[in-house]
PDB file of N, CA and C in Angstrom:
ATOM      1  N   MET A   1      -2.829  17.000   7.674  1.00  0.00           N
ATOM      2  CA  MET A   1      -1.721  17.610   8.379  1.00  0.00           C
ATOM      3  C   MET A   1      -1.196  16.675   9.463  1.00  0.00           C
ATOM      4  N   GLN A   2      -2.109  16.003  10.133  1.00  0.00           N
ATOM      5  CA  GLN A   2      -1.684  15.096  11.199  1.00  0.00           C
ATOM      6  C   GLN A   2      -0.855  13.947  10.631  1.00  0.00           C
ATOM      7  N   ALA A   3      -1.242  13.447   9.474  1.00  0.00           N
ATOM      8  CA  ALA A   3      -0.488  12.355   8.854  1.00  0.00           C
ATOM      9  C   ALA A   3       0.924  12.808   8.506  1.00  0.00           C
ATOM     10  N   ALA A   4       1.070  14.024   7.999  1.00  0.00           N
ATOM     11  CA  ALA A   4       2.398  14.557   7.663  1.00  0.00           C
ATOM     12  C   ALA A   4       3.246  14.695   8.911  1.00  0.00           C
ATOM     13  N   GLU A   5       2.645  15.178   9.980  1.00  0.00           N
ATOM     14  CA  GLU A   5       3.373  15.312  11.243  1.00  0.00           C
ATOM     15  C   GLU A   5       3.801  13.953  11.786  1.00  0.00           C
ATOM     16  N   ALA A   6       3.020  12.923  11.479  1.00  0.00           N
ATOM     17  CA  ALA A   6       3.340  11.562  11.932  1.00  0.00           C
ATOM     18  C   ALA A   6       4.353  10.879  11.023  1.00  0.00           C
ATOM     19  N   GLY A   7       4.745  11.551   9.911  1.00  0.00           N
ATOM     20  CA  GLY A   7       5.774  10.999   9.046  1.00  0.00           C
ATOM     21  C   GLY A   7       5.286  10.416   7.732  1.00  0.00           C
ATOM     22  N   ALA A   8       3.981  10.499   7.460  1.00  0.00           N
ATOM     23  CA  ALA A   8       3.462   9.972   6.197  1.00  0.00           C
ATOM     24  C   ALA A   8       3.923  10.834   5.028  1.00  0.00           C
ATOM     25  N   LYS A   9       4.104  10.197   3.877  1.00  0.00           N
ATOM     26  CA  LYS A   9       4.461  10.938   2.668  1.00  0.00           C
ATOM     27  C   LYS A   9       3.213  11.638   2.143  1.00  0.00           C
ATOM     28  N   ILE A  10       3.383  12.887   1.716  1.00  0.00           N
ATOM     29  CA  ILE A  10       2.282  13.712   1.228  1.00  0.00           C
ATOM     30  C   ILE A  10       2.549  14.079  -0.225  1.00  0.00           C
ATOM     31  N   ARG A  11       1.485  14.191  -1.005  1.00  0.00           N
ATOM     32  CA  ARG A  11       1.620  14.711  -2.355  1.00  0.00           C
ATOM     33  C   ARG A  11       0.552  15.778  -2.567  1.00  0.00           C
ATOM     34  N   PHE A  12       0.738  16.608  -3.613  1.00  0.00           N
ATOM     35  CA  PHE A  12      -0.201  17.691  -3.865  1.00  0.00           C
ATOM     36  C   PHE A  12      -0.475  17.829  -5.350  1.00  0.00           C
ATOM     37  N   ARG A  13      -1.537  18.562  -5.671  1.00  0.00           N
ATOM     38  CA  ARG A  13      -1.827  18.913  -7.059  1.00  0.00           C
ATOM     39  C   ARG A  13      -2.647  20.194  -7.066  1.00  0.00           C
ATOM     40  N   SER A  14      -2.614  20.845  -8.198  1.00  0.00           N
ATOM     41  CA  SER A  14      -3.398  22.051  -8.419  1.00  0.00           C
ATOM     42  C   SER A  14      -4.456  21.730  -9.458  1.00  0.00           C
ATOM     43  N   GLY A  15      -5.711  21.831  -9.093  1.00  0.00           N
ATOM     44  CA  GLY A  15      -6.793  21.532 -10.026  1.00  0.00           C
ATOM     45  C   GLY A  15      -6.749  20.094 -10.501  1.00  0.00           C
ATOM     46  N   CYS A  16      -6.677  19.910 -11.821  1.00  0.00           N
ATOM     47  CA  CYS A  16      -6.665  18.567 -12.425  1.00  0.00           C
ATOM     48  C   CYS A  16      -5.260  18.117 -12.818  1.00  0.00           C
ATOM     49  N   SER A  17      -4.238  18.804 -12.342  1.00  0.00           N
ATOM     50  CA  SER A  17      -2.866  18.433 -12.686  1.00  0.00           C
ATOM     51  C   SER A  17      -2.490  17.106 -12.035  1.00  0.00           C
ATOM     52  N   GLU A  18      -1.333  16.574 -12.427  1.00  0.00           N
ATOM     53  CA  GLU A  18      -0.837  15.320 -11.866  1.00  0.00           C
ATOM     54  C   GLU A  18      -0.412  15.533 -10.410  1.00  0.00           C
ATOM     55  N   TRP A  19      -0.517  14.487  -9.610  1.00  0.00           N
ATOM     56  CA  TRP A  19      -0.035  14.544  -8.227  1.00  0.00           C
ATOM     57  C   TRP A  19       1.483  14.656  -8.239  1.00  0.00           C
ATOM     58  N   GLU A  20       2.031  15.462  -7.353  1.00  0.00           N
ATOM     59  CA  GLU A  20       3.476  15.634  -7.221  1.00  0.00           C
ATOM     60  C   GLU A  20       3.881  15.405  -5.773  1.00  0.00           C
ATOM     61  N   PRO A  21       5.066  14.808  -5.550  1.00  0.00           N
ATOM     62  CA  PRO A  21       5.531  14.614  -4.171  1.00  0.00           C
ATOM     63  C   PRO A  21       5.743  15.954  -3.493  1.00  0.00           C
ATOM     64  N   CYS A  22       5.559  15.940  -2.191  1.00  0.00           N
ATOM     65  CA  CYS A  22       5.667  17.189  -1.432  1.00  0.00           C
ATOM     66  C   CYS A  22       6.386  16.892  -0.111  1.00  0.00           C
ATOM     67  N   ALA A  23       7.688  17.167  -0.065  1.00  0.00           N
ATOM     68  CA  ALA A  23       8.481  16.860   1.131  1.00  0.00           C
ATOM     69  C   ALA A  23       8.123  17.764   2.311  1.00  0.00           C
ATOM     70  N   HIS A  24       7.830  19.028   2.029  1.00  0.00           N
ATOM     71  CA  HIS A  24       7.513  20.007   3.096  1.00  0.00           C
ATOM     72  C   HIS A  24       6.278  20.805   2.694  1.00  0.00           C
ATOM     73  N   PRO A  25       5.082  20.258   2.964  1.00  0.00           N
ATOM     74  CA  PRO A  25       3.853  20.934   2.538  1.00  0.00           C
ATOM     75  C   PRO A  25       3.728  22.336   3.141  1.00  0.00           C
ATOM     76  N   LEU A  26       3.263  23.266   2.316  1.00  0.00           N
ATOM     77  CA  LEU A  26       3.010  24.637   2.786  1.00  0.00           C
ATOM     78  C   LEU A  26       1.552  24.820   3.189  1.00  0.00           C
ATOM     79  N   TRP A  27       0.721  23.835   2.891  1.00  0.00           N
ATOM     80  CA  TRP A  27      -0.698  23.834   3.221  1.00  0.00           C
ATOM     81  C   TRP A  27      -1.412  25.057   2.658  1.00  0.00           C
ATOM     82  N   GLU A  28      -1.296  25.210   1.355  1.00  0.00           N
ATOM     83  CA  GLU A  28      -2.014  26.273   0.645  1.00  0.00           C
ATOM     84  C   GLU A  28      -3.387  25.734   0.225  1.00  0.00           C
ATOM     85  N   TRP A  29      -4.291  25.639   1.186  1.00  0.00           N
ATOM     86  CA  TRP A  29      -5.581  24.989   0.986  1.00  0.00           C
ATOM     87  C   TRP A  29      -6.424  25.668  -0.097  1.00  0.00           C
ATOM     88  N   GLY A  30      -6.263  26.951  -0.310  1.00  0.00           N
ATOM     89  CA  GLY A  30      -7.074  27.657  -1.293  1.00  0.00           C
ATOM     90  C   GLY A  30      -6.728  27.316  -2.730  1.00  0.00           C
ATOM     91  N   SER A  31      -5.499  26.878  -2.987  1.00  0.00           N
ATOM     92  CA  SER A  31      -5.095  26.633  -4.374  1.00  0.00           C
ATOM     93  C   SER A  31      -4.573  25.222  -4.648  1.00  0.00           C
ATOM     94  N   LEU A  32      -4.343  24.425  -3.614  1.00  0.00           N
ATOM     95  CA  LEU A  32      -3.783  23.084  -3.810  1.00  0.00           C
ATOM     96  C   LEU A  32      -4.595  22.036  -3.067  1.00  0.00           C
ATOM     97  N   ASP A  33      -4.603  20.819  -3.631  1.00  0.00           N
ATOM     98  CA  ASP A  33      -5.173  19.651  -2.959  1.00  0.00           C
ATOM     99  C   ASP A  33      -4.026  18.818  -2.418  1.00  0.00           C
ATOM    100  N   TYR A  34      -4.214  18.197  -1.269  1.00  0.00           N
ATOM    101  CA  TYR A  34      -3.192  17.366  -0.645  1.00  0.00           C
ATOM    102  C   TYR A  34      -3.787  16.003  -0.326  1.00  0.00           C
ATOM    103  N   GLU A  35      -2.932  14.989  -0.341  1.00  0.00           N
ATOM    104  CA  GLU A  35      -3.350  13.668   0.123  1.00  0.00           C
ATOM    105  C   GLU A  35      -2.135  12.880   0.589  1.00  0.00           C
ATOM    106  N   VAL A  36      -2.408  11.888   1.426  1.00  0.00           N
ATOM    107  CA  VAL A  36      -1.368  10.961   1.849  1.00  0.00           C
ATOM    108  C   VAL A  36      -1.075  10.053   0.663  1.00  0.00           C
ATOM    109  N   VAL A  37       0.203   9.836   0.371  1.00  0.00           N
ATOM    110  CA  VAL A  37       0.587   8.954  -0.735  1.00  0.00           C
ATOM    111  C   VAL A  37       0.138   7.535  -0.388  1.00  0.00           C
ATOM    112  N   PRO A  38      -0.685   6.921  -1.243  1.00  0.00           N
ATOM    113  CA  PRO A  38      -1.168   5.567  -0.951  1.00  0.00           C
ATOM    114  C   PRO A  38      -0.021   4.559  -0.937  1.00  0.00           C
ATOM    115  N   GLU A  39      -0.088   3.647  -0.018  1.00  0.00           N
ATOM    116  CA  GLU A  39       0.887   2.554   0.060  1.00  0.00           C
ATOM    117  C   GLU A  39       0.311   1.353  -0.685  1.00  0.00           C
ATOM    118  N   PRO A  40       1.131   0.636  -1.431  1.00  0.00           N
ATOM    119  CA  PRO A  40       0.608  -0.552  -2.115  1.00  0.00           C
ATOM    120  C   PRO A  40       0.195  -1.618  -1.102  1.00  0.00           C
ATOM    121  N   LEU A  41      -0.841  -2.343  -1.440  1.00  0.00           N
ATOM    122  CA  LEU A  41      -1.307  -3.429  -0.595  1.00  0.00           C
ATOM    123  C   LEU A  41      -0.356  -4.609  -0.726  1.00  0.00           C
ATOM    124  N   VAL A  42       0.029  -5.192   0.395  1.00  0.00           N
ATOM    125  CA  VAL A  42       0.892  -6.375   0.414  1.00  0.00           C
ATOM    126  C   VAL A  42       0.103  -7.495   1.084  1.00  0.00           C
ATOM    127  N   ILE A  43       0.008  -8.633   0.389  1.00  0.00           N
ATOM    128  CA  ILE A  43      -0.658  -9.795   0.989  1.00  0.00           C
ATOM    129  C   ILE A  43       0.262 -11.005   0.910  1.00  0.00           C
ATOM    130  N   TRP A  44       0.010 -11.941   1.785  1.00  0.00           N
ATOM    131  CA  TRP A  44       0.798 -13.182   1.866  1.00  0.00           C
ATOM    132  C   TRP A  44      -0.150 -14.356   1.722  1.00  0.00           C
ATOM    133  N   LEU A  45       0.254 -15.349   0.913  1.00  0.00           N
ATOM    134  CA  LEU A  45      -0.531 -16.567   0.722  1.00  0.00           C
ATOM    135  C   LEU A  45       0.329 -17.783   1.020  1.00  0.00           C
ATOM    136  N   ASN A  46      -0.242 -18.716   1.742  1.00  0.00           N
ATOM    137  CA  ASN A  46       0.421 -19.997   1.962  1.00  0.00           C
ATOM    138  C   ASN A  46       0.062 -20.921   0.809  1.00  0.00           C
ATOM    139  N   GLU A  47       1.071 -21.532   0.197  1.00  0.00           N
ATOM    140  CA  GLU A  47       0.826 -22.482  -0.891  1.00  0.00           C
ATOM    141  C   GLU A  47       0.961 -23.902  -0.350  1.00  0.00           C
ATOM    142  N   TYR A  48       0.022 -24.751  -0.774  1.00  0.00           N
ATOM    143  CA  TYR A  48      -0.014 -26.135  -0.318  1.00  0.00           C
ATOM    144  C   TYR A  48       0.076 -27.072  -1.525  1.00  0.00           C
ATOM    145  N   PRO A  49       0.292 -28.365  -1.295  1.00  0.00           N
ATOM    146  CA  PRO A  49       0.344 -29.323  -2.404  1.00  0.00           C
ATOM    147  C   PRO A  49      -0.912 -29.216  -3.277  1.00  0.00           C
ATOM    148  N   ASP A  50      -0.775 -29.649  -4.519  1.00  0.00           N
ATOM    149  CA  ASP A  50      -1.865 -29.594  -5.503  1.00  0.00           C
ATOM    150  C   ASP A  50      -2.297 -28.161  -5.808  1.00  0.00           C
ATOM    151  N   ARG A  51      -1.345 -27.203  -5.641  1.00  0.00           N
ATOM    152  CA  ARG A  51      -1.580 -25.796  -5.959  1.00  0.00           C
ATOM    153  C   ARG A  51      -2.748 -25.180  -5.195  1.00  0.00           C
ATOM    154  N   GLU A  52      -2.991 -25.671  -4.015  1.00  0.00           N
ATOM    155  CA  GLU A  52      -4.022 -25.102  -3.150  1.00  0.00           C
ATOM    156  C   GLU A  52      -3.434 -23.914  -2.405  1.00  0.00           C
ATOM    157  N   PHE A  53      -4.239 -22.852  -2.229  1.00  0.00           N
ATOM    158  CA  PHE A  53      -3.789 -21.674  -1.504  1.00  0.00           C
ATOM    159  C   PHE A  53      -4.690 -21.425  -0.307  1.00  0.00           C
ATOM    160  N   SER A  54      -4.129 -20.758   0.672  1.00  0.00           N
ATOM    161  CA  SER A  54      -4.874 -20.423   1.876  1.00  0.00           C
ATOM    162  C   SER A  54      -5.585 -19.090   1.691  1.00  0.00           C
ATOM    163  N   LEU A  55      -6.122 -18.589   2.756  1.00  0.00           N
ATOM    164  CA  LEU A  55      -6.657 -17.233   2.786  1.00  0.00           C
ATOM    165  C   LEU A  55      -5.505 -16.243   2.601  1.00  0.00           C
ATOM    166  N   ALA A  56      -5.827 -15.010   2.268  1.00  0.00           N
ATOM    167  CA  ALA A  56      -4.813 -13.961   2.160  1.00  0.00           C
ATOM    168  C   ALA A  56      -4.570 -13.370   3.550  1.00  0.00           C
ATOM    169  N   TYR A  57      -3.303 -13.090   3.847  1.00  0.00           N
ATOM    170  CA  TYR A  57      -2.929 -12.502   5.137  1.00  0.00           C
ATOM    171  C   TYR A  57      -2.197 -11.190   4.904  1.00  0.00           C
ATOM    172  N   LEU A  58      -2.334 -10.264   5.828  1.00  0.00           N
ATOM    173  CA  LEU A  58      -1.728  -8.938   5.687  1.00  0.00           C
ATOM    174  C   LEU A  58      -0.313  -8.864   6.232  1.00  0.00           C
ATOM    175  N   SER A  59       0.181  -9.947   6.811  1.00  0.00           N
ATOM    176  CA  SER A  59       1.566  -9.966   7.294  1.00  0.00           C
ATOM    177  C   SER A  59       2.122 -11.375   7.181  1.00  0.00           C
ATOM    178  N   LEU A  60       3.437 -11.458   7.081  1.00  0.00           N
ATOM    179  CA  LEU A  60       4.096 -12.759   7.059  1.00  0.00           C
ATOM    180  C   LEU A  60       3.865 -13.487   8.371  1.00  0.00           C
ATOM    181  N   ALA A  61       3.880 -12.754   9.466  1.00  0.00           N
ATOM    182  CA  ALA A  61       3.668 -13.380  10.774  1.00  0.00           C
ATOM    183  C   ALA A  61       2.294 -14.039  10.856  1.00  0.00           C
ATOM    184  N   ALA A  62       1.271 -13.377  10.319  1.00  0.00           N
ATOM    185  CA  ALA A  62      -0.077 -13.952  10.343  1.00  0.00           C
ATOM    186  C   ALA A  62      -0.156 -15.183   9.455  1.00  0.00           C
ATOM    187  N   ALA A  63       0.487 -15.131   8.292  1.00  0.00           N
ATOM    188  CA  ALA A  63       0.498 -16.291   7.395  1.00  0.00           C
ATOM    189  C   ALA A  63       1.237 -17.459   8.037  1.00  0.00           C
ATOM    190  N   ASP A  64       2.362 -17.168   8.672  1.00  0.00           N
ATOM    191  CA  ASP A  64       3.122 -18.224   9.349  1.00  0.00           C
ATOM    192  C   ASP A  64       2.316 -18.838  10.489  1.00  0.00           C
ATOM    193  N   ALA A  65       1.615 -18.007  11.243  1.00  0.00           N
ATOM    194  CA  ALA A  65       0.840 -18.499  12.381  1.00  0.00           C
ATOM    195  C   ALA A  65      -0.300 -19.418  11.933  1.00  0.00           C
ATOM    196  N   ALA A  66      -0.842 -19.168  10.735  1.00  0.00           N
ATOM    197  CA  ALA A  66      -1.965 -19.967  10.249  1.00  0.00           C
ATOM    198  C   ALA A  66      -1.538 -21.147   9.387  1.00  0.00           C
ATOM    199  N   ALA A  67      -0.259 -21.259   9.102  1.00  0.00           N
ATOM    200  CA  ALA A  67       0.230 -22.279   8.169  1.00  0.00           C
ATOM    201  C   ALA A  67       0.100 -23.689   8.738  1.00  0.00           C
ATOM    202  N   ALA A  68      -0.288 -24.602   7.862  1.00  0.00           N
ATOM    203  CA  ALA A  68      -0.300 -26.023   8.218  1.00  0.00           C
ATOM    204  C   ALA A  68       1.087 -26.591   7.940  1.00  0.00           C
ATOM    205  N   SER A  69       1.378 -27.730   8.523  1.00  0.00           N
ATOM    206  CA  SER A  69       2.720 -28.317   8.403  1.00  0.00           C
ATOM    207  C   SER A  69       3.071 -28.721   6.971  1.00  0.00           C
ATOM    208  N   CYS A  70       2.081 -28.888   6.113  1.00  0.00           N
ATOM    209  CA  CYS A  70       2.357 -29.306   4.733  1.00  0.00           C
ATOM    210  C   CYS A  70       2.544 -28.113   3.784  1.00  0.00           C
ATOM    211  N   ARG A  71       2.673 -26.915   4.323  1.00  0.00           N
ATOM    212  CA  ARG A  71       2.863 -25.738   3.475  1.00  0.00           C
ATOM    213  C   ARG A  71       4.133 -25.889   2.651  1.00  0.00           C
ATOM    214  N   ILE A  72       4.056 -25.557   1.363  1.00  0.00           N
ATOM    215  CA  ILE A  72       5.220 -25.601   0.485  1.00  0.00           C
ATOM    216  C   ILE A  72       6.030 -24.320   0.630  1.00  0.00           C
ATOM    217  N   ARG A  73       5.336 -23.202   0.581  1.00  0.00           N
ATOM    218  CA  ARG A  73       5.998 -21.906   0.711  1.00  0.00           C
ATOM    219  C   ARG A  73       4.960 -20.835   1.002  1.00  0.00           C
ATOM    220  N   CYS A  74       5.445 -19.671   1.372  1.00  0.00           N
ATOM    221  CA  CYS A  74       4.606 -18.507   1.598  1.00  0.00           C
ATOM    222  C   CYS A  74       4.982 -17.473   0.526  1.00  0.00           C
ATOM    223  N   ILE A  75       3.989 -16.992  -0.209  1.00  0.00           N
ATOM    224  CA  ILE A  75       4.236 -16.095  -1.331  1.00  0.00           C
ATOM    225  C   ILE A  75       3.765 -14.683  -0.981  1.00  0.00           C
ATOM    226  N   ARG A  76       4.614 -13.705  -1.296  1.00  0.00           N
ATOM    227  CA  ARG A  76       4.309 -12.292  -1.046  1.00  0.00           C
ATOM    228  C   ARG A  76       3.865 -11.647  -2.351  1.00  0.00           C
ATOM    229  N   PHE A  77       2.698 -11.008  -2.332  1.00  0.00           N
ATOM    230  CA  PHE A  77       2.188 -10.267  -3.478  1.00  0.00           C
ATOM    231  C   PHE A  77       2.116  -8.794  -3.104  1.00  0.00           C
ATOM    232  N   VAL A  78       2.610  -7.927  -4.008  1.00  0.00           N
ATOM    233  CA  VAL A  78       2.573  -6.479  -3.783  1.00  0.00           C
ATOM    234  C   VAL A  78       1.774  -5.852  -4.908  1.00  0.00           C
ATOM    235  N   GLU A  79       0.802  -5.032  -4.532  1.00  0.00           N
ATOM    236  CA  GLU A  79      -0.032  -4.340  -5.509  1.00  0.00           C
ATOM    237  C   GLU A  79       0.835  -3.457  -6.400  1.00  0.00           C
ATOM    238  N   ASP A  80       0.500  -3.364  -7.652  1.00  0.00           N
ATOM    239  CA  ASP A  80       1.237  -2.556  -8.615  1.00  0.00           C
ATOM    240  C   ASP A  80       1.058  -1.072  -8.280  1.00  0.00           C
ATOM    241  N   SER A  81       2.141  -0.396  -7.942  1.00  0.00           N
ATOM    242  CA  SER A  81       2.048   1.009  -7.551  1.00  0.00           C
ATOM    243  C   SER A  81       1.685   1.915  -8.721  1.00  0.00           C
ATOM    244  N   ALA A  82       1.816   1.441  -9.963  1.00  0.00           N
ATOM    245  CA  ALA A  82       1.428   2.245 -11.128  1.00  0.00           C
ATOM    246  C   ALA A  82      -0.069   2.536 -11.098  1.00  0.00           C
ATOM    247  N   ALA A  83      -0.835   1.677 -10.464  1.00  0.00           N
ATOM    248  CA  ALA A  83      -2.283   1.892 -10.360  1.00  0.00           C
ATOM    249  C   ALA A  83      -2.599   3.163  -9.583  1.00  0.00           C
ATOM    250  N   PHE A  84      -1.734   3.532  -8.641  1.00  0.00           N
ATOM    251  CA  PHE A  84      -1.967   4.738  -7.845  1.00  0.00           C
ATOM    252  C   PHE A  84      -1.847   5.991  -8.687  1.00  0.00           C
ATOM    253  N   ASN A  85      -1.019   5.957  -9.717  1.00  0.00           N
ATOM    254  CA  ASN A  85      -0.843   7.121 -10.562  1.00  0.00           C
ATOM    255  C   ASN A  85      -2.003   7.305 -11.519  1.00  0.00           C
ATOM    256  N   MET A  86      -2.820   6.298 -11.702  1.00  0.00           N
ATOM    257  CA  MET A  86      -3.954   6.376 -12.612  1.00  0.00           C
ATOM    258  C   MET A  86      -5.210   6.870 -11.888  1.00  0.00           C
ATOM    259  N   GLU A  87      -5.256   6.725 -10.581  1.00  0.00           N
ATOM    260  CA  GLU A  87      -6.431   7.096  -9.812  1.00  0.00           C
ATOM    261  C   GLU A  87      -6.408   8.557  -9.433  1.00  0.00           C
ATOM    262  N   SER A  88      -7.560   9.020  -9.013  1.00  0.00           N
ATOM    263  CA  SER A  88      -7.775  10.388  -8.493  1.00  0.00           C
ATOM    264  C   SER A  88      -7.576  11.375  -9.587  1.00  0.00           C
TER     265      SER A  88
END
C-alpha cells in the first residue's frame, strides 16, 4: 500500500491467474494478491579498445565517472521485460 501511495505501479491477480495492471487498487486482501510491478534492470558498460568491458554500473553518471580516457563508448543494457510476465 505504501508503494502505491508513493506512485509505484501495482498489479493484482486472483489465485493462479495472470497478473493484471491495477490503476486504483481496492485492496481486497481476502481474494486478491497484489505486488509492485517489477522494473527492468538497466546497466551501463564502458567499452574499451580490444573489446574490453568495464564493470557494470547502475547509472550513466556512475559509468561516466569511472570511465578511462580511452573509452570507446558507453552501452546501455535493459533487461527483457517479458521475463517479468513469466515469473510468479
